Amino acid sequence: MKANWARPRTWVATAAFAAAALAVPSFAQSVDTFETGTIPDHWINGGPDCSEQPASFQVHHYNENFYILRESGCVHYEKPFLFMIFGNDKVLLLDTAAGNDTDQTTGRIPDVRGTVDFVIERWLRAHNKTSIQLVIVHLHSHPDHIFGDYQFNGRPNTTLVPPGSVQVLIDFFGFRHYPDDIVQYDLGGRVLDVIATPGHDPTELAIYDRKTALLLVGDSLYPGRLYINQPADIYQASIQRLVDFTATRNTVHVLGTHIERKFPYQDYGLFLHDQPVEVPLQFGRGVLLELLEACKLRDKNKNIVQKIYRDFTTCSNYPNCNPINATAP
């Protein structure tokens, strides 16, 4: 899906990023206060010939201070999306990609740090700066989101929030009534809202960027199979939290971290490196509303019914997703 704004500017490169948490006043958003950006028509994939795709990532310049990175399927079948958000004082990197600990078939290791450093250096030149603090946070703690952490060991001016611990997130962001309160994180002239969204993973987070009105939801929602690894009520409460939050905010796009769908109602199979035809990454708020209603549909064991919808499929715990739809070849 092509945005109706400026022509997308996209670079392919090879990979790295950072930020920190501060309490800020409560937020009320007015209309038309957000910065616009572009999303490309097509993302990097895993073919048709990986010998012609040396880059680990596609780097997309959404706008001046917001970047989207998509890992190549020639590196890993998960092909996750990473996000970089620049403030005046810090840059936040969300996730560090997937690697050969979970996919050894490609023989490639993603250059996460090299790509992130490429983006940072470009941003510094454009803004006449010499340095910026990099903060690394994970939208959750599964292997396809944390592989590249080790590449930032010893990197100067970098804070990496360790994955896998709810308590670490509570302490870092300053949650007082986790998971119900919404806390703020200031990058310097750029305030983010941090929302706890357990259900797929206990450490799942959503990030709302007030500057762009983009809502980043990790693996809680994306075009594909949604694995509900925790009790259904926990997941439903998280989706309700997102619905309630967005009821009073502009929401330009809801962005997850994967694309697994070829067409509406039709998912690709597991472990595929090349998905030459994909639906768009971005959703509107309406899909959140549909997901909330899907969460209310329960089986006799009070689990969310596994069912295919137009834009997503509700599944049980990974890798259980009963054959609800024919997968795309």
C-alpha atoms as a PDB file:
ATOM      1  CA  MET A   1       0.000   0.000   0.000  1.00  0.00           C
ATOM      2  CA  LYS A   2       1.451   3.317  -1.044  1.00  0.00           C
ATOM      3  CA  ALA A   3       1.217   6.318   1.249  1.00  0.00           C
ATOM      4  CA  ASN A   4      -0.395   9.447  -0.162  1.00  0.00           C
ATOM      5  CA  TRP A   5       2.491  11.701   0.826  1.00  0.00           C
ATOM      6  CA  ALA A   6       5.978  12.088  -0.598  1.00  0.00           C
ATOM      7  CA  ARG A   7       7.844   9.544  -2.663  1.00  0.00           C
ATOM      8  CA  PRO A   8       9.425   6.877  -0.388  1.00  0.00           C
ATOM      9  CA  ARG A   9      13.175   7.058   0.056  1.00  0.00           C
ATOM     10  CA  THR A  10      14.688   3.674   0.804  1.00  0.00           C
ATOM     11  CA  TRP A  11      18.260   2.532   1.294  1.00  0.00           C
ATOM     12  CA  VAL A  12      19.697  -0.949   1.611  1.00  0.00           C
ATOM     13  CA  ALA A  13      22.596  -1.205   4.044  1.00  0.00           C
ATOM     14  CA  THR A  14      24.187  -3.488   6.601  1.00  0.00           C
ATOM     15  CA  ALA A  15      23.212  -2.467  10.392  1.00  0.00           C
ATOM     16  CA  ALA A  16      22.939  -0.583  14.892  1.00  0.00           C
ATOM     17  CA  PHE A  17      21.216   2.113  18.070  1.00  0.00           C
ATOM     18  CA  ALA A  18      19.825   3.786  21.950  1.00  0.00           C
ATOM     19  CA  ALA A  19      17.598   5.979  24.695  1.00  0.00           C
ATOM     20  CA  ALA A  20      16.309   6.443  28.482  1.00  0.00           C
ATOM     21  CA  ALA A  21      13.157   6.950  30.642  1.00  0.00           C
ATOM     22  CA  LEU A  22      11.841  10.126  32.238  1.00  0.00           C
ATOM     23  CA  ALA A  23       8.532  11.036  33.796  1.00  0.00           C
ATOM     24  CA  VAL A  24       6.690  13.688  31.798  1.00  0.00           C
ATOM     25  CA  PRO A  25       3.262  15.296  32.150  1.00  0.00           C
ATOM     26  CA  SER A  26       0.100  13.502  31.027  1.00  0.00           C
ATOM     27  CA  PHE A  27      -0.728  13.749  27.346  1.00  0.00           C
ATOM     28  CA  ALA A  28      -3.675  15.164  25.422  1.00  0.00           C
ATOM     29  CA  GLN A  29      -3.230  15.239  21.645  1.00  0.00           C
ATOM     30  CA  SER A  30      -4.816  17.748  19.312  1.00  0.00           C
ATOM     31  CA  VAL A  31      -5.650  17.151  15.683  1.00  0.00           C
ATOM     32  CA  ASP A  32      -2.998  17.488  12.953  1.00  0.00           C
ATOM     33  CA  THR A  33      -0.018  17.734  15.278  1.00  0.00           C
ATOM     34  CA  PHE A  34       1.871  14.722  13.952  1.00  0.00           C
ATOM     35  CA  GLU A  35       4.681  14.494  11.403  1.00  0.00           C
ATOM     36  CA  THR A  36       3.883  12.526   8.253  1.00  0.00           C
ATOM     37  CA  GLY A  37       6.054   9.918   6.560  1.00  0.00           C
ATOM     38  CA  THR A  38       6.126   7.258   3.863  1.00  0.00           C
ATOM     39  CA  ILE A  39       5.941   3.480   3.759  1.00  0.00           C
ATOM     40  CA  PRO A  40       7.292   1.657   0.699  1.00  0.00           C
ATOM     41  CA  ASP A  41       5.166  -0.416  -1.657  1.00  0.00           C
ATOM     42  CA  HIS A  42       7.498  -3.404  -1.304  1.00  0.00           C
ATOM     43  CA  TRP A  43       9.901  -4.643   1.363  1.00  0.00           C
ATOM     44  CA  ILE A  44      13.122  -6.628   0.942  1.00  0.00           C
ATOM     45  CA  ASN A  45      12.576 -10.372   0.910  1.00  0.00           C
ATOM     46  CA  GLY A  46      14.546 -13.581   0.515  1.00  0.00           C
ATOM     47  CA  GLY A  47      14.955 -13.943  -3.189  1.00  0.00           C
ATOM     48  CA  PRO A  48      14.739 -14.743  -5.916  1.00  0.00           C
ATOM     49  CA  ASP A  49      18.563 -14.872  -5.868  1.00  0.00           C
ATOM     50  CA  CYS A  50      20.264 -14.263  -2.518  1.00  0.00           C
ATOM     51  CA  SER A  51      23.661 -14.035  -4.213  1.00  0.00           C
ATOM     52  CA  GLU A  52      22.442 -10.650  -5.457  1.00  0.00           C
ATOM     53  CA  GLN A  53      21.346  -9.479  -1.998  1.00  0.00           C
ATOM     54  CA  PRO A  54      24.450  -8.916   0.148  1.00  0.00           C
ATOM     55  CA  ALA A  55      22.727  -6.500   2.527  1.00  0.00           C
ATOM     56  CA  SER A  56      21.363  -7.664   5.877  1.00  0.00           C
ATOM     57  CA  PHE A  57      18.612  -5.053   5.971  1.00  0.00           C
ATOM     58  CA  GLN A  58      16.491  -2.686   3.968  1.00  0.00           C
ATOM     59  CA  VAL A  59      16.677   0.746   5.611  1.00  0.00           C
ATOM     60  CA  HIS A  60      13.626   2.894   5.020  1.00  0.00           C
ATOM     61  CA  HIS A  61      13.572   6.607   5.842  1.00  0.00           C
ATOM     62  CA  TYR A  62       9.970   7.033   7.064  1.00  0.00           C
ATOM     63  CA  ASN A  63      10.755  10.666   7.792  1.00  0.00           C
ATOM     64  CA  GLU A  64      13.616  12.793   9.046  1.00  0.00           C
ATOM     65  CA  ASN A  65      13.755  11.219  12.509  1.00  0.00           C
ATOM     66  CA  PHE A  66      12.085   7.828  12.133  1.00  0.00           C
ATOM     67  CA  TYR A  67      13.547   4.793  10.353  1.00  0.00           C
ATOM     68  CA  ILE A  68      12.175   1.319   9.661  1.00  0.00           C
ATOM     69  CA  LEU A  69      14.578  -1.584   9.075  1.00  0.00           C
ATOM     70  CA  ARG A  70      13.456  -4.889   7.547  1.00  0.00           C
ATOM     71  CA  GLU A  71      15.780  -7.879   7.873  1.00  0.00           C
ATOM     72  CA  SER A  72      16.384  -9.750   4.641  1.00  0.00           C
ATOM     73  CA  GLY A  73      14.883 -13.201   4.167  1.00  0.00           C
ATOM     74  CA  CYS A  74      18.285 -14.123   2.738  1.00  0.00           C
ATOM     75  CA  VAL A  75      19.529 -13.852   6.337  1.00  0.00           C
ATOM     76  CA  HIS A  76      16.590 -15.257   8.333  1.00  0.00           C
ATOM     77  CA  TYR A  77      13.138 -16.606   7.526  1.00  0.00           C
ATOM     78  CA  GLU A  78      11.490 -14.465  10.216  1.00  0.00           C
ATOM     79  CA  LYS A  79      12.321 -11.246   8.333  1.00  0.00           C
ATOM     80  CA  PRO A  80      11.517  -9.006  11.344  1.00  0.00           C
ATOM     81  CA  PHE A  81      11.092  -5.242  11.305  1.00  0.00           C
ATOM     82  CA  LEU A  82      13.165  -2.995  13.590  1.00  0.00           C
ATOM     83  CA  PHE A  83      12.510   0.657  14.369  1.00  0.00           C
ATOM     84  CA  MET A  84      14.796   3.606  15.102  1.00  0.00           C
ATOM     85  CA  ILE A  85      13.364   6.795  16.613  1.00  0.00           C
ATOM     86  CA  PHE A  86      15.533   9.922  17.002  1.00  0.00           C
ATOM     87  CA  GLY A  87      15.106  12.601  19.634  1.00  0.00           C
ATOM     88  CA  ASN A  88      17.404  15.517  20.400  1.00  0.00           C
ATOM     89  CA  ASP A  89      19.394  13.577  23.002  1.00  0.00           C
ATOM     90  CA  LYS A  90      18.838   9.878  22.326  1.00  0.00           C
ATOM     91  CA  VAL A  91      17.969   7.453  19.591  1.00  0.00           C
ATOM     92  CA  LEU A  92      15.842   4.424  20.450  1.00  0.00           C
ATOM     93  CA  LEU A  93      16.428   1.113  18.681  1.00  0.00           C
ATOM     94  CA  LEU A  94      13.580  -1.341  19.053  1.00  0.00           C
ATOM     95  CA  ASP A  95      14.865  -4.941  18.703  1.00  0.00           C
ATOM     96  CA  THR A  96      18.109  -6.330  17.313  1.00  0.00           C
ATOM     97  CA  ALA A  97      16.857  -8.824  14.702  1.00  0.00           C
ATOM     98  CA  ALA A  98      17.062 -12.584  14.191  1.00  0.00           C
ATOM     99  CA  GLY A  99      20.190 -14.641  13.618  1.00  0.00           C
ATOM    100  CA  ASN A 100      21.817 -17.990  13.096  1.00  0.00           C
ATOM    101  CA  ASP A 101      20.889 -19.249  16.548  1.00  0.00           C
ATOM    102  CA  THR A 102      17.424 -19.971  15.133  1.00  0.00           C
ATOM    103  CA  ASP A 103      18.114 -20.228  11.387  1.00  0.00           C
ATOM    104  CA  GLN A 104      21.381 -21.728  10.173  1.00  0.00           C
ATOM    105  CA  THR A 105      20.176 -22.473   6.656  1.00  0.00           C
ATOM    106  CA  THR A 106      21.406 -19.229   5.088  1.00  0.00           C
ATOM    107  CA  GLY A 107      24.912 -19.292   6.535  1.00  0.00           C
ATOM    108  CA  ARG A 108      24.643 -15.565   7.203  1.00  0.00           C
ATOM    109  CA  ILE A 109      24.841 -13.439  10.325  1.00  0.00           C
ATOM    110  CA  PRO A 110      23.058 -10.066  10.232  1.00  0.00           C
ATOM    111  CA  ASP A 111      25.234  -7.004  10.614  1.00  0.00           C
ATOM    112  CA  VAL A 112      22.889  -5.288  13.043  1.00  0.00           C
ATOM    113  CA  ARG A 113      25.410  -2.913  14.552  1.00  0.00           C
ATOM    114  CA  GLY A 114      26.819  -1.910  11.181  1.00  0.00           C
ATOM    115  CA  THR A 115      23.376  -1.052   9.862  1.00  0.00           C
ATOM    116  CA  VAL A 116      22.380   0.882  12.966  1.00  0.00           C
ATOM    117  CA  ASP A 117      25.653   2.804  12.927  1.00  0.00           C
ATOM    118  CA  PHE A 118      25.084   3.599   9.243  1.00  0.00           C
ATOM    119  CA  VAL A 119      21.713   5.159  10.052  1.00  0.00           C
ATOM    120  CA  ILE A 120      23.037   7.056  13.076  1.00  0.00           C
ATOM    121  CA  GLU A 121      26.000   8.465  11.176  1.00  0.00           C
ATOM    122  CA  ARG A 122      23.733   9.652   8.382  1.00  0.00           C
ATOM    123  CA  TRP A 123      21.378  11.300  10.889  1.00  0.00           C
ATOM    124  CA  LEU A 124      24.252  12.989  12.744  1.00  0.00           C
ATOM    125  CA  ARG A 125      25.593  14.511   9.525  1.00  0.00           C
ATOM    126  CA  ALA A 126      22.157  15.788   8.541  1.00  0.00           C
ATOM    127  CA  HIS A 127      21.707  17.435  11.962  1.00  0.00           C
ATOM    128  CA  ASN A 128      25.261  18.783  12.405  1.00  0.00           C
ATOM    129  CA  LYS A 129      25.869  16.659  15.477  1.00  0.00           C
ATOM    130  CA  THR A 130      28.839  14.561  16.469  1.00  0.00           C
ATOM    131  CA  SER A 131      27.188  12.047  18.813  1.00  0.00           C
ATOM    132  CA  ILE A 132      23.902  10.823  20.251  1.00  0.00           C
ATOM    133  CA  GLN A 133      23.134   8.265  22.938  1.00  0.00           C
ATOM    134  CA  LEU A 134      21.820   4.948  21.671  1.00  0.00           C
ATOM    135  CA  VAL A 135      19.216   3.137  23.774  1.00  0.00           C
ATOM    136  CA  ILE A 136      18.219  -0.428  22.855  1.00  0.00           C
ATOM    137  CA  VAL A 137      14.895  -1.831  24.008  1.00  0.00           C
ATOM    138  CA  HIS A 138      13.069  -4.965  22.866  1.00  0.00           C
ATOM    139  CA  LEU A 139       9.399  -5.118  21.985  1.00  0.00           C
ATOM    140  CA  HIS A 140       9.638  -8.601  23.490  1.00  0.00           C
ATOM    141  CA  SER A 141      12.255 -11.172  24.323  1.00  0.00           C
ATOM    142  CA  HIS A 142      11.949 -13.979  21.765  1.00  0.00           C
ATOM    143  CA  PRO A 143      15.127 -14.975  19.893  1.00  0.00           C
ATOM    144  CA  ASP A 144      14.110 -13.309  16.624  1.00  0.00           C
ATOM    145  CA  HIS A 145      14.050  -9.939  18.402  1.00  0.00           C
ATOM    146  CA  ILE A 146      17.239 -10.059  20.496  1.00  0.00           C
ATOM    147  CA  PHE A 147      19.910 -11.858  18.451  1.00  0.00           C
ATOM    148  CA  GLY A 148      22.075  -8.831  17.722  1.00  0.00           C
ATOM    149  CA  ASP A 149      22.386  -7.638  21.324  1.00  0.00           C
ATOM    150  CA  TYR A 150      25.923  -9.008  21.617  1.00  0.00           C
ATOM    151  CA  GLN A 151      27.083  -6.874  18.687  1.00  0.00           C
ATOM    152  CA  PHE A 152      26.654  -3.755  20.838  1.00  0.00           C
ATOM    153  CA  ASN A 153      28.909  -4.968  23.641  1.00  0.00           C
ATOM    154  CA  GLY A 154      31.449  -2.248  24.332  1.00  0.00           C
ATOM    155  CA  ARG A 155      29.808   0.279  22.017  1.00  0.00           C
ATOM    156  CA  PRO A 156      30.316   3.773  23.516  1.00  0.00           C
ATOM    157  CA  ASN A 157      27.368   5.914  24.571  1.00  0.00           C
ATOM    158  CA  THR A 158      25.008   2.936  24.449  1.00  0.00           C
ATOM    159  CA  THR A 159      22.418   1.612  26.901  1.00  0.00           C
ATOM    160  CA  LEU A 160      21.013  -1.847  26.284  1.00  0.00           C
ATOM    161  CA  VAL A 161      17.998  -2.860  28.382  1.00  0.00           C
ATOM    162  CA  PRO A 162      18.436  -6.618  28.963  1.00  0.00           C
ATOM    163  CA  PRO A 163      15.632  -8.775  27.567  1.00  0.00           C
ATOM    164  CA  GLY A 164      13.618 -11.419  29.372  1.00  0.00           C
ATOM    165  CA  SER A 165      12.685  -9.682  32.618  1.00  0.00           C
ATOM    166  CA  VAL A 166       9.453  -7.885  33.455  1.00  0.00           C
ATOM    167  CA  GLN A 167      11.132  -6.416  36.548  1.00  0.00           C
ATOM    168  CA  VAL A 168      13.873  -4.877  34.412  1.00  0.00           C
ATOM    169  CA  LEU A 169      11.202  -3.146  32.314  1.00  0.00           C
ATOM    170  CA  ILE A 170       9.375  -1.944  35.417  1.00  0.00           C
ATOM    171  CA  ASP A 171      12.576  -0.482  36.842  1.00  0.00           C
ATOM    172  CA  PHE A 172      13.834   1.052  33.592  1.00  0.00           C
ATOM    173  CA  PHE A 173      10.618   2.721  32.483  1.00  0.00           C
ATOM    174  CA  GLY A 174       9.255   3.446  35.956  1.00  0.00           C
ATOM    175  CA  PHE A 175       6.000   1.499  35.830  1.00  0.00           C
ATOM    176  CA  ARG A 176       4.142   1.889  39.146  1.00  0.00           C
ATOM    177  CA  HIS A 177       1.119  -0.296  38.469  1.00  0.00           C
ATOM    178  CA  TYR A 178       2.355  -2.700  35.801  1.00  0.00           C
ATOM    179  CA  PRO A 179       0.841  -3.649  33.413  1.00  0.00           C
ATOM    180  CA  ASP A 180      -2.033  -1.183  33.730  1.00  0.00           C
ATOM    181  CA  ASP A 181      -0.296   2.196  33.839  1.00  0.00           C
ATOM    182  CA  ILE A 182       1.119   3.866  30.752  1.00  0.00           C
ATOM    183  CA  VAL A 183       4.487   5.531  31.225  1.00  0.00           C
ATOM    184  CA  GLN A 184       6.464   8.049  29.215  1.00  0.00           C
ATOM    185  CA  TYR A 185       9.968   7.920  27.838  1.00  0.00           C
ATOM    186  CA  ASP A 186      11.674  11.108  26.652  1.00  0.00           C
ATOM    187  CA  LEU A 187      14.296  11.028  23.900  1.00  0.00           C
ATOM    188  CA  GLY A 188      14.821  14.784  24.198  1.00  0.00           C
ATOM    189  CA  GLY A 189      12.006  16.825  22.694  1.00  0.00           C
ATOM    190  CA  ARG A 190      10.276  13.586  21.676  1.00  0.00           C
ATOM    191  CA  VAL A 191       8.023  11.798  24.154  1.00  0.00           C
ATOM    192  CA  LEU A 192       7.040   8.169  23.676  1.00  0.00           C
ATOM    193  CA  ASP A 193       4.223   6.391  25.506  1.00  0.00           C
ATOM    194  CA  VAL A 194       5.161   2.905  26.704  1.00  0.00           C
ATOM    195  CA  ILE A 195       2.348   0.390  27.096  1.00  0.00           C
ATOM    196  CA  ALA A 196       2.768  -3.069  28.609  1.00  0.00           C
ATOM    197  CA  THR A 197       1.058  -5.651  26.391  1.00  0.00           C
ATOM    198  CA  PRO A 198       1.788  -9.168  27.718  1.00  0.00           C
ATOM    199  CA  GLY A 199       0.026 -12.085  26.084  1.00  0.00           C
ATOM    200  CA  HIS A 200       2.344 -13.140  23.286  1.00  0.00           C
ATOM    201  CA  ASP A 201       5.278 -12.806  25.672  1.00  0.00           C
ATOM    202  CA  PRO A 202       5.423 -11.569  29.288  1.00  0.00           C
ATOM    203  CA  THR A 203       7.793  -8.724  28.299  1.00  0.00           C
ATOM    204  CA  GLU A 204       5.787  -7.551  25.269  1.00  0.00           C
ATOM    205  CA  LEU A 205       5.605  -3.766  24.867  1.00  0.00           C
ATOM    206  CA  ALA A 206       3.872  -1.312  22.590  1.00  0.00           C
ATOM    207  CA  ILE A 207       5.374   2.105  21.856  1.00  0.00           C
ATOM    208  CA  TYR A 208       3.395   5.147  20.731  1.00  0.00           C
ATOM    209  CA  ASP A 209       5.388   7.932  19.091  1.00  0.00           C
ATOM    210  CA  ARG A 210       3.593  11.238  19.608  1.00  0.00           C
ATOM    211  CA  LYS A 211       5.590  12.964  16.865  1.00  0.00           C
ATOM    212  CA  THR A 212       4.345  10.620  14.120  1.00  0.00           C
ATOM    213  CA  ALA A 213       1.209   9.097  15.710  1.00  0.00           C
ATOM    214  CA  LEU A 214       2.640   5.655  14.938  1.00  0.00           C
ATOM    215  CA  LEU A 215       1.799   2.788  17.291  1.00  0.00           C
ATOM    216  CA  LEU A 216       4.397  -0.008  17.348  1.00  0.00           C
ATOM    217  CA  VAL A 217       2.871  -3.204  18.703  1.00  0.00           C
ATOM    218  CA  GLY A 218       5.550  -5.890  18.278  1.00  0.00           C
ATOM    219  CA  ASP A 219       4.097  -9.383  17.903  1.00  0.00           C
ATOM    220  CA  SER A 220       0.768  -8.544  19.547  1.00  0.00           C
ATOM    221  CA  LEU A 221      -0.656  -7.727  16.114  1.00  0.00           C
ATOM    222  CA  TYR A 222       0.706  -8.025  12.595  1.00  0.00           C
ATOM    223  CA  PRO A 223      -0.485  -9.440   9.258  1.00  0.00           C
ATOM    224  CA  GLY A 224      -0.101 -13.129  10.015  1.00  0.00           C
ATOM    225  CA  ARG A 225      -0.429 -15.715  12.777  1.00  0.00           C
ATOM    226  CA  LEU A 226      -0.859 -14.245  16.257  1.00  0.00           C
ATOM    227  CA  TYR A 227       0.447 -16.719  18.827  1.00  0.00           C
ATOM    228  CA  ILE A 228      -1.164 -16.309  22.234  1.00  0.00           C
ATOM    229  CA  ASN A 229       1.381 -17.885  24.543  1.00  0.00           C
ATOM    230  CA  GLN A 230      -0.077 -16.670  27.847  1.00  0.00           C
ATOM    231  CA  PRO A 231      -3.601 -17.010  29.269  1.00  0.00           C
ATOM    232  CA  ALA A 232      -6.260 -15.543  26.999  1.00  0.00           C
ATOM    233  CA  ASP A 233      -7.422 -13.002  29.574  1.00  0.00           C
ATOM    234  CA  ILE A 234      -3.930 -11.494  29.773  1.00  0.00           C
ATOM    235  CA  TYR A 235      -3.765 -11.069  26.005  1.00  0.00           C
ATOM    236  CA  GLN A 236      -7.284  -9.652  25.800  1.00  0.00           C
ATOM    237  CA  ALA A 237      -6.524  -7.133  28.563  1.00  0.00           C
ATOM    238  CA  SER A 238      -3.499  -5.943  26.576  1.00  0.00           C
ATOM    239  CA  ILE A 239      -5.512  -5.456  23.396  1.00  0.00           C
ATOM    240  CA  GLN A 240      -8.171  -3.632  25.423  1.00  0.00           C
ATOM    241  CA  ARG A 241      -5.428  -1.364  26.775  1.00  0.00           C
ATOM    242  CA  LEU A 242      -4.364  -0.501  23.214  1.00  0.00           C
ATOM    243  CA  VAL A 243      -7.957   0.118  22.116  1.00  0.00           C
ATOM    244  CA  ASP A 244      -8.577   2.404  25.089  1.00  0.00           C
ATOM    245  CA  PHE A 245      -5.315   4.269  24.557  1.00  0.00           C
ATOM    246  CA  THR A 246      -5.920   4.921  20.867  1.00  0.00           C
ATOM    247  CA  ALA A 247      -9.496   6.089  21.476  1.00  0.00           C
ATOM    248  CA  THR A 248      -8.151   9.539  22.373  1.00  0.00           C
ATOM    249  CA  ARG A 249      -5.049   9.687  20.133  1.00  0.00           C
ATOM    250  CA  ASN A 250      -4.401  10.114  16.449  1.00  0.00           C
ATOM    251  CA  THR A 251      -3.233   6.758  15.110  1.00  0.00           C
ATOM    252  CA  VAL A 252      -1.784   7.019  11.619  1.00  0.00           C
ATOM    253  CA  HIS A 253      -0.549   3.419  11.440  1.00  0.00           C
ATOM    254  CA  VAL A 254      -0.411   0.390  13.718  1.00  0.00           C
ATOM    255  CA  LEU A 255       2.866  -1.397  12.905  1.00  0.00           C
ATOM    256  CA  GLY A 256       3.813  -4.922  13.964  1.00  0.00           C
ATOM    257  CA  THR A 257       7.144  -6.652  13.443  1.00  0.00           C
ATOM    258  CA  HIS A 258       6.385  -9.337  10.828  1.00  0.00           C
ATOM    259  CA  ILE A 259       4.476  -9.936   7.613  1.00  0.00           C
ATOM    260  CA  GLU A 260       3.302 -13.540   7.125  1.00  0.00           C
ATOM    261  CA  ARG A 261       0.367 -12.977   4.809  1.00  0.00           C
ATOM    262  CA  LYS A 262       0.234 -13.173   1.003  1.00  0.00           C
ATOM    263  CA  PHE A 263      -3.344 -12.036   0.505  1.00  0.00           C
ATOM    264  CA  PRO A 264      -6.256 -11.273   2.803  1.00  0.00           C
ATOM    265  CA  TYR A 265      -7.289 -14.506   4.569  1.00  0.00           C
ATOM    266  CA  GLN A 266      -4.205 -16.348   3.305  1.00  0.00           C
ATOM    267  CA  ASP A 267      -0.982 -16.839   5.298  1.00  0.00           C
ATOM    268  CA  TYR A 268       2.330 -18.058   4.005  1.00  0.00           C
ATOM    269  CA  GLY A 269       3.679 -21.272   5.495  1.00  0.00           C
ATOM    270  CA  LEU A 270       6.305 -21.401   8.223  1.00  0.00           C
ATOM    271  CA  PHE A 271      10.070 -21.004   7.660  1.00  0.00           C
ATOM    272  CA  LEU A 272       9.861 -19.397   4.209  1.00  0.00           C
ATOM    273  CA  HIS A 273      12.726 -17.120   3.220  1.00  0.00           C
ATOM    274  CA  ASP A 274      11.088 -15.617   0.160  1.00  0.00           C
ATOM    275  CA  GLN A 275       7.599 -14.110   0.168  1.00  0.00           C
ATOM    276  CA  PRO A 276       7.509 -12.303  -3.184  1.00  0.00           C
ATOM    277  CA  VAL A 277       3.957 -11.035  -2.683  1.00  0.00           C
ATOM    278  CA  GLU A 278       3.009  -9.567   0.703  1.00  0.00           C
ATOM    279  CA  VAL A 279       0.153  -7.552   2.144  1.00  0.00           C
ATOM    280  CA  PRO A 280       1.160  -4.179   3.650  1.00  0.00           C
ATOM    281  CA  LEU A 281       2.721  -4.048   7.109  1.00  0.00           C
ATOM    282  CA  GLN A 282       0.554  -1.182   8.309  1.00  0.00           C
ATOM    283  CA  PHE A 283      -2.921  -1.385   9.836  1.00  0.00           C
ATOM    284  CA  GLY A 284      -5.421   1.227  10.928  1.00  0.00           C
ATOM    285  CA  ARG A 285      -7.005   1.335  14.370  1.00  0.00           C
ATOM    286  CA  GLY A 286     -10.012  -0.621  13.098  1.00  0.00           C
ATOM    287  CA  VAL A 287      -7.967  -3.827  13.032  1.00  0.00           C
ATOM    288  CA  LEU A 288      -7.263  -3.387  16.761  1.00  0.00           C
ATOM    289  CA  LEU A 289     -11.013  -3.206  17.324  1.00  0.00           C
ATOM    290  CA  GLU A 290     -11.539  -6.379  15.310  1.00  0.00           C
ATOM    291  CA  LEU A 291      -8.808  -8.158  17.282  1.00  0.00           C
ATOM    292  CA  LEU A 292     -10.467  -7.163  20.556  1.00  0.00           C
ATOM    293  CA  GLU A 293     -13.719  -8.722  19.390  1.00  0.00           C
ATOM    294  CA  ALA A 294     -11.808 -11.836  18.303  1.00  0.00           C
ATOM    295  CA  CYS A 295     -10.385 -12.106  21.825  1.00  0.00           C
ATOM    296  CA  LYS A 296     -13.910 -12.371  23.211  1.00  0.00           C
ATOM    297  CA  LEU A 297     -14.690 -15.439  21.107  1.00  0.00           C
ATOM    298  CA  ARG A 298     -13.749 -18.352  23.385  1.00  0.00           C
ATOM    299  CA  ASP A 299     -13.884 -22.147  23.220  1.00  0.00           C
ATOM    300  CA  LYS A 300     -15.118 -24.449  25.989  1.00  0.00           C
ATOM    301  CA  ASN A 301     -11.736 -24.137  27.743  1.00  0.00           C
ATOM    302  CA  LYS A 302     -11.954 -20.314  27.655  1.00  0.00           C
ATOM    303  CA  ASN A 303      -9.145 -20.073  25.154  1.00  0.00           C
ATOM    304  CA  ILE A 304      -9.431 -17.614  22.267  1.00  0.00           C
ATOM    305  CA  VAL A 305     -10.874 -19.452  19.279  1.00  0.00           C
ATOM    306  CA  GLN A 306      -8.309 -20.155  16.582  1.00  0.00           C
ATOM    307  CA  LYS A 307      -9.719 -18.500  13.506  1.00  0.00           C
ATOM    308  CA  ILE A 308      -8.631 -16.731  10.347  1.00  0.00           C
ATOM    309  CA  TYR A 309      -9.743 -13.144   9.853  1.00  0.00           C
ATOM    310  CA  ARG A 310      -9.107 -10.850   6.928  1.00  0.00           C
ATOM    311  CA  ASP A 311      -5.898  -9.329   8.317  1.00  0.00           C
ATOM    312  CA  PHE A 312      -4.682 -11.786  10.979  1.00  0.00           C
ATOM    313  CA  THR A 313      -5.126 -15.289  12.365  1.00  0.00           C
ATOM    314  CA  THR A 314      -5.659 -16.008  16.059  1.00  0.00           C
ATOM    315  CA  CYS A 315      -3.606 -19.023  17.160  1.00  0.00           C
ATOM    316  CA  SER A 316      -2.812 -20.895  20.337  1.00  0.00           C
ATOM    317  CA  ASN A 317       0.679 -21.039  21.867  1.00  0.00           C
ATOM    318  CA  TYR A 318       3.528 -21.302  19.371  1.00  0.00           C
ATOM    319  CA  PRO A 319       3.712 -23.281  17.115  1.00  0.00           C
ATOM    320  CA  ASN A 320       0.122 -24.465  17.524  1.00  0.00           C
ATOM    321  CA  CYS A 321      -2.151 -22.931  14.930  1.00  0.00           C
ATOM    322  CA  ASN A 322      -4.722 -25.485  13.867  1.00  0.00           C
ATOM    323  CA  PRO A 323      -5.240 -25.677  10.097  1.00  0.00           C
ATOM    324  CA  ILE A 324      -7.699 -22.845   9.763  1.00  0.00           C
ATOM    325  CA  ASN A 325      -6.698 -21.719   6.315  1.00  0.00           C
ATOM    326  CA  ALA A 326      -4.804 -23.034   3.333  1.00  0.00           C
ATOM    327  CA  THR A 327      -1.323 -21.576   3.401  1.00  0.00           C
ATOM    328  CA  ALA A 328      -0.114 -19.769   0.321  1.00  0.00           C
ATOM    329  CA  PRO A 329       2.408 -21.685  -1.805  1.00  0.00           C
END
